[in-house]
Structure formats: structure tokens, C-alpha cells
């Protein structure tokens, strides 16, 4: 049964007159009468009683009117929902991030901004390491991700550097290299590498730490790694426990402030921590498209001398480094 037949029937039922209903619908009266009679034949019952001044609903017609109105309302509601989907104002958005990316104030700000602009979108958030996030995106289980330096570059994924920030050395607060040191006093790379180090495992996120080790080896230093962990927060938990030292993005300063001292590094300007947006190249999920556009816009607004956004798509799909 076509929705046109329902619209024609409801117009006649509401006006009680074939001619007035035809005028309301913008058609001629004879074709309308033909459509109503065809509907009655299809249903096998009379919907109207004809009289000189127009038509009146039969009992069956009143029952059919209630059903027809419900169906038309459901159809209108469905069309409204589809329109919201078409505008990216409804649906589901699944976003993942690494713990170190989540520590950057930009990430919760971006998520709050998206919720404000698209309250009809169901936002699903998860946390994982860079390797697993990349795999989930490539497999279609996530619509977007925020991490540091990419682990790998599967076909179909786009990596965009949003912001960059310096790294800091993280030391147990009572460590001799931290105790009594004036605020802002930097620590040398040689002094850092002379201490036991805690790093995130290479399989999960080697980016920042691979850069640290490469820089140290290039300068003839031999870092001593005493522990490797899966997540950046586990890394800082061990620093707070006095197991060793590490390096972290500057935005993580303040984690375990009662137990960790954060110091800038001298002669290590080559080390920095990017914030990277990962998305699918052929993404057809409109909320995901809206999220990606919003994050790019907010990153451009966030730019400061110490955190400068790279041009759009600055980190290509050929990127080989990895991030915590």
C-alpha cells in the first residue's frame, strides 16, 4: 500500500468532502474518487458513506483512520531521524585514545565541544595503546582515534598532526637529581641516561621512546632500561614508586604530583610529543566526518608558540613511528 493512498484517504476523512479534499491535495476530484474506491476494494470494506453534502466515515473507516494516522506519524518521525542522520546530527561515533593523548587538555575539550554541537550523537569512548587503536580503526571498529606518534600506517588510514609539545623528564620526587633543584632547572640527557629508565613497550608505542634511545645512542650514551610497560600511566606509576625515571609529554605534568618531579631536558630539543588524529580515508559515517572537522578547527584555534598545529594531513599514511 502506497503512502499516497493513505494521504488521500486522510484528506477525505478530515474534510468530509471529495472536492475539498482534492483541492487540498492539488489534484482533480475524479482521480481522487478512483483512488478511494481502489483503496476500499484492496481492504475489502467500505471506508465512507456517501451522502449529498459529502462523505462520512464508516466504523471501519474510523478504525482505518487511526491506523493511517499512526503510520503517517511514524513515517514523518522516520524521515526526521533520517534527516538528522544525513546532517550528521544523529548516529553513533566511536572514538579511542591513548592515555597520554587523553592527558592533553585538548582532548577532553574537543569531546565536550562535540557533545555540545551534536547532542543527538551517541559518543562511545575507549582507551588503548596506539597499536591496538590503529588496528581497531583499520578493522572498522572505531571511527577515529587520538594518539601520539603512529605505530604503523595501514592502507586507508590518515594521520594528521594536530599539536606538538615538549617532553619532560619524570623523576621520583626524592631522587637526588630532583631534590633541592630550583624550579625550572633543566636536566641533561646524559644525567637522565645515567639512571634506570622506564619505557613503554616497543610493540605498543615505541615513538617517543625510540626517539629518546636513538638520540642517546647518537651521542654515545647507553641508556639502562629497567622496566617496560603497556601504558603511559603505568609508566608514571612506576616512577612514583621509585623504580626509575622516564620522559613524558609536558601535558602529563602534575600526574602524581606528590610523588613525581617533572624537569625540562637540556640538549634534547629534537624530542617532542605530537598529538595525532587518526581517521579513515573513506569514512562514510557523518558524525565521524563532523568530529574530524571539529577537531581540526579546534586544533587551529589552540595553536600557541609552544604547540603549533601542523598543516592538515601533515603526518602522512607512510608514517612509521609509534606513539604512547
C-alpha atoms as a PDB file:
ATOM      1  CA  UNK A   1       0.000   0.000   0.000  1.00  0.00           C
ATOM      2  CA  UNK A   2       1.441   3.351  -1.036  1.00  0.00           C
ATOM      3  CA  UNK A   3       1.646   6.247   1.396  1.00  0.00           C
ATOM      4  CA  UNK A   4      -0.096   8.309  -1.287  1.00  0.00           C
ATOM      5  CA  UNK A   5      -3.260   6.251  -0.743  1.00  0.00           C
ATOM      6  CA  UNK A   6      -3.073   6.959   2.992  1.00  0.00           C
ATOM      7  CA  UNK A   7      -2.629  10.700   2.383  1.00  0.00           C
ATOM      8  CA  UNK A   8      -5.610  10.736   0.024  1.00  0.00           C
ATOM      9  CA  UNK A   9      -7.771   8.833   2.499  1.00  0.00           C
ATOM     10  CA  UNK A  10      -6.836  11.083   5.423  1.00  0.00           C
ATOM     11  CA  UNK A  11      -7.551  14.233   3.419  1.00  0.00           C
ATOM     12  CA  UNK A  12     -11.066  12.990   2.592  1.00  0.00           C
ATOM     13  CA  UNK A  13     -11.633  11.851   6.195  1.00  0.00           C
ATOM     14  CA  UNK A  14     -10.561  15.236   7.582  1.00  0.00           C
ATOM     15  CA  UNK A  15     -12.539  17.391   5.130  1.00  0.00           C
ATOM     16  CA  UNK A  16     -15.574  15.100   4.777  1.00  0.00           C
ATOM     17  CA  UNK A  17     -15.789  16.094   1.124  1.00  0.00           C
ATOM     18  CA  UNK A  18     -14.204  14.731  -2.054  1.00  0.00           C
ATOM     19  CA  UNK A  19     -13.951  18.042  -3.880  1.00  0.00           C
ATOM     20  CA  UNK A  20     -12.458  19.967  -0.941  1.00  0.00           C
ATOM     21  CA  UNK A  21     -10.011  17.132  -0.294  1.00  0.00           C
ATOM     22  CA  UNK A  22      -8.980  17.168  -3.972  1.00  0.00           C
ATOM     23  CA  UNK A  23      -8.363  20.934  -3.792  1.00  0.00           C
ATOM     24  CA  UNK A  24      -6.294  20.472  -0.624  1.00  0.00           C
ATOM     25  CA  UNK A  25      -4.221  17.778  -2.311  1.00  0.00           C
ATOM     26  CA  UNK A  26      -3.821  19.734  -5.539  1.00  0.00           C
ATOM     27  CA  UNK A  27      -5.439  17.105  -7.757  1.00  0.00           C
ATOM     28  CA  UNK A  28      -8.730  16.691  -9.621  1.00  0.00           C
ATOM     29  CA  UNK A  29     -11.749  15.207  -7.846  1.00  0.00           C
ATOM     30  CA  UNK A  30     -12.408  12.253 -10.227  1.00  0.00           C
ATOM     31  CA  UNK A  31      -8.917  10.695  -9.815  1.00  0.00           C
ATOM     32  CA  UNK A  32      -9.277  11.081  -6.042  1.00  0.00           C
ATOM     33  CA  UNK A  33     -12.601   9.224  -6.072  1.00  0.00           C
ATOM     34  CA  UNK A  34     -10.992   6.463  -8.156  1.00  0.00           C
ATOM     35  CA  UNK A  35      -8.111   6.151  -5.632  1.00  0.00           C
ATOM     36  CA  UNK A  36     -10.506   5.940  -2.662  1.00  0.00           C
ATOM     37  CA  UNK A  37     -12.601   3.251  -4.356  1.00  0.00           C
ATOM     38  CA  UNK A  38      -9.432   1.288  -5.192  1.00  0.00           C
ATOM     39  CA  UNK A  39      -8.364   1.508  -1.542  1.00  0.00           C
ATOM     40  CA  UNK A  40     -11.756   0.209  -0.393  1.00  0.00           C
ATOM     41  CA  UNK A  41     -11.503  -2.699  -2.824  1.00  0.00           C
ATOM     42  CA  UNK A  42      -7.988  -3.506  -1.595  1.00  0.00           C
ATOM     43  CA  UNK A  43      -9.145  -3.519   2.026  1.00  0.00           C
ATOM     44  CA  UNK A  44     -12.407  -5.310   1.232  1.00  0.00           C
ATOM     45  CA  UNK A  45     -14.560  -2.842   3.161  1.00  0.00           C
ATOM     46  CA  UNK A  46     -16.341   0.489   2.773  1.00  0.00           C
ATOM     47  CA  UNK A  47     -14.474   3.383   4.391  1.00  0.00           C
ATOM     48  CA  UNK A  48     -17.025   6.121   3.642  1.00  0.00           C
ATOM     49  CA  UNK A  49     -20.762   6.540   3.380  1.00  0.00           C
ATOM     50  CA  UNK A  50     -21.649   8.880   0.517  1.00  0.00           C
ATOM     51  CA  UNK A  51     -24.376  11.498   1.000  1.00  0.00           C
ATOM     52  CA  UNK A  52     -25.422  14.646  -0.920  1.00  0.00           C
ATOM     53  CA  UNK A  53     -23.299  17.012   1.146  1.00  0.00           C
ATOM     54  CA  UNK A  54     -20.151  14.881   1.092  1.00  0.00           C
ATOM     55  CA  UNK A  55     -18.922  11.720   2.818  1.00  0.00           C
ATOM     56  CA  UNK A  56     -18.818  10.344   6.360  1.00  0.00           C
ATOM     57  CA  UNK A  57     -16.571   7.668   7.826  1.00  0.00           C
ATOM     58  CA  UNK A  58     -17.956   4.209   8.480  1.00  0.00           C
ATOM     59  CA  UNK A  59     -16.968   2.364  11.659  1.00  0.00           C
ATOM     60  CA  UNK A  60     -14.347   0.552   9.639  1.00  0.00           C
ATOM     61  CA  UNK A  61     -13.238   3.889   8.199  1.00  0.00           C
ATOM     62  CA  UNK A  62     -12.705   5.336  11.688  1.00  0.00           C
ATOM     63  CA  UNK A  63     -10.598   2.316  12.673  1.00  0.00           C
ATOM     64  CA  UNK A  64      -8.574   2.656   9.472  1.00  0.00           C
ATOM     65  CA  UNK A  65      -8.158   6.397  10.095  1.00  0.00           C
ATOM     66  CA  UNK A  66      -6.471   5.722  13.468  1.00  0.00           C
ATOM     67  CA  UNK A  67      -4.109   3.223  11.852  1.00  0.00           C
ATOM     68  CA  UNK A  68      -3.372   5.504   8.895  1.00  0.00           C
ATOM     69  CA  UNK A  69      -2.611   8.488  11.163  1.00  0.00           C
ATOM     70  CA  UNK A  70      -0.258   6.340  13.253  1.00  0.00           C
ATOM     71  CA  UNK A  71       1.553   5.116  10.153  1.00  0.00           C
ATOM     72  CA  UNK A  72       1.923   8.614   8.728  1.00  0.00           C
ATOM     73  CA  UNK A  73       3.237   9.918  12.049  1.00  0.00           C
ATOM     74  CA  UNK A  74       5.734   7.058  12.197  1.00  0.00           C
ATOM     75  CA  UNK A  75       6.764   7.831   8.628  1.00  0.00           C
ATOM     76  CA  UNK A  76       7.270  11.520   9.462  1.00  0.00           C
ATOM     77  CA  UNK A  77       9.303  10.618  12.547  1.00  0.00           C
ATOM     78  CA  UNK A  78      11.449   8.242  10.499  1.00  0.00           C
ATOM     79  CA  UNK A  79      12.051  10.898   7.855  1.00  0.00           C
ATOM     80  CA  UNK A  80      13.064  13.362  10.583  1.00  0.00           C
ATOM     81  CA  UNK A  81      15.507  10.821  12.041  1.00  0.00           C
ATOM     82  CA  UNK A  82      16.970  10.129   8.610  1.00  0.00           C
ATOM     83  CA  UNK A  83      17.333  13.865   8.003  1.00  0.00           C
ATOM     84  CA  UNK A  84      19.307  14.191  11.261  1.00  0.00           C
ATOM     85  CA  UNK A  85      21.488  11.271  10.190  1.00  0.00           C
ATOM     86  CA  UNK A  86      22.031  12.904   6.808  1.00  0.00           C
ATOM     87  CA  UNK A  87      23.217  16.074   8.572  1.00  0.00           C
ATOM     88  CA  UNK A  88      25.490  14.132  10.928  1.00  0.00           C
ATOM     89  CA  UNK A  89      23.360  15.156  13.923  1.00  0.00           C
ATOM     90  CA  UNK A  90      22.454  11.608  14.995  1.00  0.00           C
ATOM     91  CA  UNK A  91      24.013   8.168  14.988  1.00  0.00           C
ATOM     92  CA  UNK A  92      26.985   6.646  16.799  1.00  0.00           C
ATOM     93  CA  UNK A  93      30.571   7.887  16.992  1.00  0.00           C
ATOM     94  CA  UNK A  94      33.254   5.566  18.418  1.00  0.00           C
ATOM     95  CA  UNK A  95      36.495   7.335  19.362  1.00  0.00           C
ATOM     96  CA  UNK A  96      39.567   5.849  21.013  1.00  0.00           C
ATOM     97  CA  UNK A  97      42.611   7.484  22.542  1.00  0.00           C
ATOM     98  CA  UNK A  98      45.830   6.615  24.285  1.00  0.00           C
ATOM     99  CA  UNK A  99      46.322   7.542  27.937  1.00  0.00           C
ATOM    100  CA  UNK A 100      48.999  10.086  27.080  1.00  0.00           C
ATOM    101  CA  UNK A 101      46.767  11.714  24.453  1.00  0.00           C
ATOM    102  CA  UNK A 102      43.884  11.839  26.931  1.00  0.00           C
ATOM    103  CA  UNK A 103      46.134  13.694  29.384  1.00  0.00           C
ATOM    104  CA  UNK A 104      46.380  16.614  26.957  1.00  0.00           C
ATOM    105  CA  UNK A 105      43.743  19.196  27.846  1.00  0.00           C
ATOM    106  CA  UNK A 106      42.816  19.481  24.177  1.00  0.00           C
ATOM    107  CA  UNK A 107      41.233  16.012  24.108  1.00  0.00           C
ATOM    108  CA  UNK A 108      38.506  16.471  26.770  1.00  0.00           C
ATOM    109  CA  UNK A 109      37.870  19.972  25.405  1.00  0.00           C
ATOM    110  CA  UNK A 110      37.299  18.546  21.926  1.00  0.00           C
ATOM    111  CA  UNK A 111      34.974  15.832  23.252  1.00  0.00           C
ATOM    112  CA  UNK A 112      32.938  18.379  25.230  1.00  0.00           C
ATOM    113  CA  UNK A 113      32.697  20.656  22.205  1.00  0.00           C
ATOM    114  CA  UNK A 114      31.426  17.766  20.064  1.00  0.00           C
ATOM    115  CA  UNK A 115      28.806  16.839  22.673  1.00  0.00           C
ATOM    116  CA  UNK A 116      27.591  20.436  22.775  1.00  0.00           C
ATOM    117  CA  UNK A 117      27.313  20.753  18.998  1.00  0.00           C
ATOM    118  CA  UNK A 118      25.898  17.272  18.331  1.00  0.00           C
ATOM    119  CA  UNK A 119      23.908  16.199  21.410  1.00  0.00           C
ATOM    120  CA  UNK A 120      21.942  13.679  19.331  1.00  0.00           C
ATOM    121  CA  UNK A 121      25.044  11.613  18.536  1.00  0.00           C
ATOM    122  CA  UNK A 122      25.827   8.693  20.841  1.00  0.00           C
ATOM    123  CA  UNK A 123      29.511   9.072  21.723  1.00  0.00           C
ATOM    124  CA  UNK A 124      31.360   5.862  22.596  1.00  0.00           C
ATOM    125  CA  UNK A 125      34.840   6.379  24.079  1.00  0.00           C
ATOM    126  CA  UNK A 126      37.567   3.812  24.685  1.00  0.00           C
ATOM    127  CA  UNK A 127      41.218   3.846  25.744  1.00  0.00           C
ATOM    128  CA  UNK A 128      44.012   1.649  24.420  1.00  0.00           C
ATOM    129  CA  UNK A 129      47.603   1.774  23.203  1.00  0.00           C
ATOM    130  CA  UNK A 130      48.478   3.202  19.804  1.00  0.00           C
ATOM    131  CA  UNK A 131      48.959  -0.192  18.159  1.00  0.00           C
ATOM    132  CA  UNK A 132      45.543  -1.521  19.189  1.00  0.00           C
ATOM    133  CA  UNK A 133      43.795   1.754  18.319  1.00  0.00           C
ATOM    134  CA  UNK A 134      45.311   1.695  14.844  1.00  0.00           C
ATOM    135  CA  UNK A 135      44.219  -1.911  14.345  1.00  0.00           C
ATOM    136  CA  UNK A 136      40.682  -1.120  15.528  1.00  0.00           C
ATOM    137  CA  UNK A 137      40.438   1.797  13.102  1.00  0.00           C
ATOM    138  CA  UNK A 138      41.707  -0.267  10.198  1.00  0.00           C
ATOM    139  CA  UNK A 139      39.172  -3.005  11.050  1.00  0.00           C
ATOM    140  CA  UNK A 140      36.295  -0.514  11.254  1.00  0.00           C
ATOM    141  CA  UNK A 141      35.664  -0.931  14.990  1.00  0.00           C
ATOM    142  CA  UNK A 142      36.474   2.734  15.643  1.00  0.00           C
ATOM    143  CA  UNK A 143      35.628   5.878  13.681  1.00  0.00           C
ATOM    144  CA  UNK A 144      38.540   7.961  14.948  1.00  0.00           C
ATOM    145  CA  UNK A 145      41.491   7.987  17.305  1.00  0.00           C
ATOM    146  CA  UNK A 146      43.766  10.389  19.147  1.00  0.00           C
ATOM    147  CA  UNK A 147      47.296   9.235  19.906  1.00  0.00           C
ATOM    148  CA  UNK A 148      50.855  10.485  19.870  1.00  0.00           C
ATOM    149  CA  UNK A 149      53.098   9.124  17.070  1.00  0.00           C
ATOM    150  CA  UNK A 150      51.565   6.389  14.848  1.00  0.00           C
ATOM    151  CA  UNK A 151      52.745   2.812  15.291  1.00  0.00           C
ATOM    152  CA  UNK A 152      52.084   1.748  11.697  1.00  0.00           C
ATOM    153  CA  UNK A 153      50.310   3.074   8.623  1.00  0.00           C
ATOM    154  CA  UNK A 154      47.700   0.589   7.379  1.00  0.00           C
ATOM    155  CA  UNK A 155      46.185   1.431   3.985  1.00  0.00           C
ATOM    156  CA  UNK A 156      43.107   3.601   4.194  1.00  0.00           C
ATOM    157  CA  UNK A 157      44.059   5.466   7.381  1.00  0.00           C
ATOM    158  CA  UNK A 158      45.000   9.140   7.556  1.00  0.00           C
ATOM    159  CA  UNK A 159      47.291  10.505  10.289  1.00  0.00           C
ATOM    160  CA  UNK A 160      47.218  14.252  10.973  1.00  0.00           C
ATOM    161  CA  UNK A 161      49.477  16.040  13.447  1.00  0.00           C
ATOM    162  CA  UNK A 162      47.248  18.425  15.380  1.00  0.00           C
ATOM    163  CA  UNK A 163      49.600  19.845  18.047  1.00  0.00           C
ATOM    164  CA  UNK A 164      53.134  19.406  19.296  1.00  0.00           C
ATOM    165  CA  UNK A 165      54.535  19.833  22.810  1.00  0.00           C
ATOM    166  CA  UNK A 166      57.890  19.362  24.533  1.00  0.00           C
ATOM    167  CA  UNK A 167      58.746  16.362  26.696  1.00  0.00           C
ATOM    168  CA  UNK A 168      59.752  16.414  30.364  1.00  0.00           C
ATOM    169  CA  UNK A 169      61.836  14.097  32.482  1.00  0.00           C
ATOM    170  CA  UNK A 170      59.798  12.410  35.230  1.00  0.00           C
ATOM    171  CA  UNK A 171      61.724  11.595  38.420  1.00  0.00           C
ATOM    172  CA  UNK A 172      60.747  10.268  41.861  1.00  0.00           C
ATOM    173  CA  UNK A 173      60.316  13.434  43.891  1.00  0.00           C
ATOM    174  CA  UNK A 174      63.012  12.448  46.407  1.00  0.00           C
ATOM    175  CA  UNK A 175      65.545  11.437  43.746  1.00  0.00           C
ATOM    176  CA  UNK A 176      68.908  13.204  44.154  1.00  0.00           C
ATOM    177  CA  UNK A 177      68.579  14.767  40.683  1.00  0.00           C
ATOM    178  CA  UNK A 178      65.261  16.342  41.719  1.00  0.00           C
ATOM    179  CA  UNK A 179      65.702  17.092  45.406  1.00  0.00           C
ATOM    180  CA  UNK A 180      66.655  20.702  46.028  1.00  0.00           C
ATOM    181  CA  UNK A 181      66.776  21.544  42.346  1.00  0.00           C
ATOM    182  CA  UNK A 182      65.469  25.091  41.705  1.00  0.00           C
ATOM    183  CA  UNK A 183      62.102  25.267  39.883  1.00  0.00           C
ATOM    184  CA  UNK A 184      62.600  25.200  36.111  1.00  0.00           C
ATOM    185  CA  UNK A 185      66.170  23.886  36.366  1.00  0.00           C
ATOM    186  CA  UNK A 186      66.747  21.535  33.443  1.00  0.00           C
ATOM    187  CA  UNK A 187      68.185  18.035  33.464  1.00  0.00           C
ATOM    188  CA  UNK A 188      70.758  16.924  30.903  1.00  0.00           C
ATOM    189  CA  UNK A 189      70.174  13.974  28.637  1.00  0.00           C
ATOM    190  CA  UNK A 190      73.416  12.427  29.907  1.00  0.00           C
ATOM    191  CA  UNK A 191      72.218  12.653  33.520  1.00  0.00           C
ATOM    192  CA  UNK A 192      68.883  11.070  32.549  1.00  0.00           C
ATOM    193  CA  UNK A 193      70.533   8.190  30.696  1.00  0.00           C
ATOM    194  CA  UNK A 194      72.796   7.535  33.653  1.00  0.00           C
ATOM    195  CA  UNK A 195      69.763   6.489  35.685  1.00  0.00           C
ATOM    196  CA  UNK A 196      67.468   3.434  35.443  1.00  0.00           C
ATOM    197  CA  UNK A 197      64.777   4.168  32.836  1.00  0.00           C
ATOM    198  CA  UNK A 198      61.179   3.034  32.468  1.00  0.00           C
ATOM    199  CA  UNK A 199      59.787   2.946  28.920  1.00  0.00           C
ATOM    200  CA  UNK A 200      56.587   1.927  27.203  1.00  0.00           C
ATOM    201  CA  UNK A 201      56.976  -1.372  25.342  1.00  0.00           C
ATOM    202  CA  UNK A 202      58.011  -1.043  21.715  1.00  0.00           C
ATOM    203  CA  UNK A 203      55.156  -3.204  20.448  1.00  0.00           C
ATOM    204  CA  UNK A 204      52.539  -0.846  21.879  1.00  0.00           C
ATOM    205  CA  UNK A 205      54.040   2.586  21.436  1.00  0.00           C
ATOM    206  CA  UNK A 206      57.712   2.985  20.587  1.00  0.00           C
ATOM    207  CA  UNK A 207      57.590   6.504  19.114  1.00  0.00           C
ATOM    208  CA  UNK A 208      58.736   8.845  21.857  1.00  0.00           C
ATOM    209  CA  UNK A 209      60.978   6.245  23.441  1.00  0.00           C
ATOM    210  CA  UNK A 210      62.528   5.121  20.172  1.00  0.00           C
ATOM    211  CA  UNK A 211      63.421   8.766  19.535  1.00  0.00           C
ATOM    212  CA  UNK A 212      64.898   9.024  23.036  1.00  0.00           C
ATOM    213  CA  UNK A 213      67.041   5.915  22.595  1.00  0.00           C
ATOM    214  CA  UNK A 214      68.173   6.943  19.119  1.00  0.00           C
ATOM    215  CA  UNK A 215      69.183  10.398  20.330  1.00  0.00           C
ATOM    216  CA  UNK A 216      71.060   8.942  23.299  1.00  0.00           C
ATOM    217  CA  UNK A 217      72.928   6.380  21.195  1.00  0.00           C
ATOM    218  CA  UNK A 218      73.856   9.062  18.638  1.00  0.00           C
ATOM    219  CA  UNK A 219      75.565  10.944  21.471  1.00  0.00           C
ATOM    220  CA  UNK A 220      77.425   7.915  22.741  1.00  0.00           C
ATOM    221  CA  UNK A 221      75.114   7.362  25.719  1.00  0.00           C
ATOM    222  CA  UNK A 222      73.984   3.918  26.812  1.00  0.00           C
ATOM    223  CA  UNK A 223      70.551   4.166  28.493  1.00  0.00           C
ATOM    224  CA  UNK A 224      69.750   1.465  31.042  1.00  0.00           C
ATOM    225  CA  UNK A 225      66.138   0.325  30.673  1.00  0.00           C
ATOM    226  CA  UNK A 226      64.950  -1.460  33.816  1.00  0.00           C
ATOM    227  CA  UNK A 227      61.238  -1.808  33.012  1.00  0.00           C
ATOM    228  CA  UNK A 228      58.878  -1.705  30.045  1.00  0.00           C
ATOM    229  CA  UNK A 229      55.119  -1.234  30.458  1.00  0.00           C
ATOM    230  CA  UNK A 230      51.992  -1.189  28.269  1.00  0.00           C
ATOM    231  CA  UNK A 231      50.617   2.255  29.117  1.00  0.00           C
ATOM    232  CA  UNK A 232      51.943   5.710  29.916  1.00  0.00           C
ATOM    233  CA  UNK A 233      50.047   5.778  33.214  1.00  0.00           C
ATOM    234  CA  UNK A 234      51.690   2.514  34.269  1.00  0.00           C
ATOM    235  CA  UNK A 235      54.975   4.173  33.392  1.00  0.00           C
ATOM    236  CA  UNK A 236      54.276   7.069  35.768  1.00  0.00           C
ATOM    237  CA  UNK A 237      53.016   4.720  38.474  1.00  0.00           C
ATOM    238  CA  UNK A 238      56.424   3.045  38.490  1.00  0.00           C
ATOM    239  CA  UNK A 239      58.213   6.409  38.545  1.00  0.00           C
ATOM    240  CA  UNK A 240      56.105   7.414  41.545  1.00  0.00           C
ATOM    241  CA  UNK A 241      57.067   4.128  43.212  1.00  0.00           C
ATOM    242  CA  UNK A 242      60.751   4.966  42.784  1.00  0.00           C
ATOM    243  CA  UNK A 243      61.564   2.236  40.240  1.00  0.00           C
ATOM    244  CA  UNK A 244      63.243   4.603  37.803  1.00  0.00           C
ATOM    245  CA  UNK A 245      63.000   7.705  35.614  1.00  0.00           C
ATOM    246  CA  UNK A 246      61.197   8.344  32.357  1.00  0.00           C
ATOM    247  CA  UNK A 247      60.203  11.009  29.841  1.00  0.00           C
ATOM    248  CA  UNK A 248      56.616  12.063  29.179  1.00  0.00           C
ATOM    249  CA  UNK A 249      54.730  14.717  27.183  1.00  0.00           C
ATOM    250  CA  UNK A 250      54.602  18.040  29.021  1.00  0.00           C
ATOM    251  CA  UNK A 251      50.803  17.839  29.294  1.00  0.00           C
ATOM    252  CA  UNK A 252      51.178  14.949  31.754  1.00  0.00           C
ATOM    253  CA  UNK A 253      52.972  17.164  34.268  1.00  0.00           C
ATOM    254  CA  UNK A 254      51.079  17.051  37.542  1.00  0.00           C
ATOM    255  CA  UNK A 255      50.194  13.352  37.481  1.00  0.00           C
ATOM    256  CA  UNK A 256      51.166  12.003  40.930  1.00  0.00           C
ATOM    257  CA  UNK A 257      52.407  15.487  41.830  1.00  0.00           C
ATOM    258  CA  UNK A 258      53.015  14.330  45.399  1.00  0.00           C
ATOM    259  CA  UNK A 259      55.482  11.695  44.219  1.00  0.00           C
ATOM    260  CA  UNK A 260      56.939  12.843  40.882  1.00  0.00           C
ATOM    261  CA  UNK A 261      59.098  15.816  39.904  1.00  0.00           C
ATOM    262  CA  UNK A 262      58.945  16.984  36.284  1.00  0.00           C
ATOM    263  CA  UNK A 263      62.037  18.658  34.808  1.00  0.00           C
ATOM    264  CA  UNK A 264      62.757  20.025  31.321  1.00  0.00           C
ATOM    265  CA  UNK A 265      65.528  18.351  29.358  1.00  0.00           C
ATOM    266  CA  UNK A 266      68.516  20.240  28.004  1.00  0.00           C
ATOM    267  CA  UNK A 267      70.175  19.290  24.694  1.00  0.00           C
ATOM    268  CA  UNK A 268      67.061  17.320  23.688  1.00  0.00           C
ATOM    269  CA  UNK A 269      65.161  19.777  21.523  1.00  0.00           C
ATOM    270  CA  UNK A 270      64.716  17.034  18.910  1.00  0.00           C
ATOM    271  CA  UNK A 271      62.410  15.213  21.303  1.00  0.00           C
ATOM    272  CA  UNK A 272      58.799  16.309  21.250  1.00  0.00           C
ATOM    273  CA  UNK A 273      55.370  14.728  21.599  1.00  0.00           C
ATOM    274  CA  UNK A 274      52.818  15.292  18.840  1.00  0.00           C
ATOM    275  CA  UNK A 275      49.079  14.848  19.254  1.00  0.00           C
ATOM    276  CA  UNK A 276      47.817  12.909  16.231  1.00  0.00           C
ATOM    277  CA  UNK A 277      44.324  12.474  14.838  1.00  0.00           C
ATOM    278  CA  UNK A 278      43.706   9.175  13.044  1.00  0.00           C
ATOM    279  CA  UNK A 279      40.717   8.762  10.736  1.00  0.00           C
ATOM    280  CA  UNK A 280      39.600   6.531   7.884  1.00  0.00           C
ATOM    281  CA  UNK A 281      40.240   7.867   4.403  1.00  0.00           C
ATOM    282  CA  UNK A 282      36.878   6.690   3.024  1.00  0.00           C
ATOM    283  CA  UNK A 283      34.838   7.363   6.173  1.00  0.00           C
ATOM    284  CA  UNK A 284      31.112   7.465   5.394  1.00  0.00           C
ATOM    285  CA  UNK A 285      29.935   7.931   8.977  1.00  0.00           C
ATOM    286  CA  UNK A 286      28.724  11.541   9.064  1.00  0.00           C
ATOM    287  CA  UNK A 287      29.237  12.065  12.830  1.00  0.00           C
ATOM    288  CA  UNK A 288      32.834  10.907  12.291  1.00  0.00           C
ATOM    289  CA  UNK A 289      33.232  13.432   9.478  1.00  0.00           C
ATOM    290  CA  UNK A 290      31.829  16.163  11.737  1.00  0.00           C
ATOM    291  CA  UNK A 291      34.166  15.108  14.567  1.00  0.00           C
ATOM    292  CA  UNK A 292      37.231  15.195  12.332  1.00  0.00           C
ATOM    293  CA  UNK A 293      36.331  18.646  11.005  1.00  0.00           C
ATOM    294  CA  UNK A 294      35.674  19.980  14.518  1.00  0.00           C
ATOM    295  CA  UNK A 295      38.961  18.616  15.887  1.00  0.00           C
ATOM    296  CA  UNK A 296      40.904  20.235  13.048  1.00  0.00           C
ATOM    297  CA  UNK A 297      39.182  23.561  13.671  1.00  0.00           C
ATOM    298  CA  UNK A 298      39.800  23.451  17.427  1.00  0.00           C
ATOM    299  CA  UNK A 299      43.447  22.484  16.927  1.00  0.00           C
ATOM    300  CA  UNK A 300      43.965  25.523  14.702  1.00  0.00           C
ATOM    301  CA  UNK A 301      42.460  27.714  17.438  1.00  0.00           C
ATOM    302  CA  UNK A 302      44.620  26.034  20.087  1.00  0.00           C
ATOM    303  CA  UNK A 303      47.877  26.909  18.337  1.00  0.00           C
ATOM    304  CA  UNK A 304      50.472  28.630  20.528  1.00  0.00           C
ATOM    305  CA  UNK A 305      54.202  29.261  20.072  1.00  0.00           C
ATOM    306  CA  UNK A 306      54.979  26.080  22.013  1.00  0.00           C
ATOM    307  CA  UNK A 307      52.213  23.985  20.496  1.00  0.00           C
ATOM    308  CA  UNK A 308      51.945  24.651  16.804  1.00  0.00           C
ATOM    309  CA  UNK A 309      49.466  22.701  14.664  1.00  0.00           C
ATOM    310  CA  UNK A 310      50.955  21.179  11.547  1.00  0.00           C
ATOM    311  CA  UNK A 311      49.259  21.731   8.194  1.00  0.00           C
ATOM    312  CA  UNK A 312      46.307  19.458   7.518  1.00  0.00           C
ATOM    313  CA  UNK A 313      47.414  15.878   6.860  1.00  0.00           C
ATOM    314  CA  UNK A 314      50.989  16.751   7.827  1.00  0.00           C
ATOM    315  CA  UNK A 315      51.637  13.219   9.063  1.00  0.00           C
ATOM    316  CA  UNK A 316      51.139  11.024   6.025  1.00  0.00           C
ATOM    317  CA  UNK A 317      49.930   7.440   5.839  1.00  0.00           C
ATOM    318  CA  UNK A 318      53.560   6.445   5.311  1.00  0.00           C
ATOM    319  CA  UNK A 319      54.469   7.456   8.889  1.00  0.00           C
ATOM    320  CA  UNK A 320      56.398   4.606  10.551  1.00  0.00           C
ATOM    321  CA  UNK A 321      56.855   5.857  14.105  1.00  0.00           C
ATOM    322  CA  UNK A 322      54.726   4.851  17.050  1.00  0.00           C
ATOM    323  CA  UNK A 323      53.129   6.671  19.966  1.00  0.00           C
ATOM    324  CA  UNK A 324      52.270   6.045  23.605  1.00  0.00           C
END
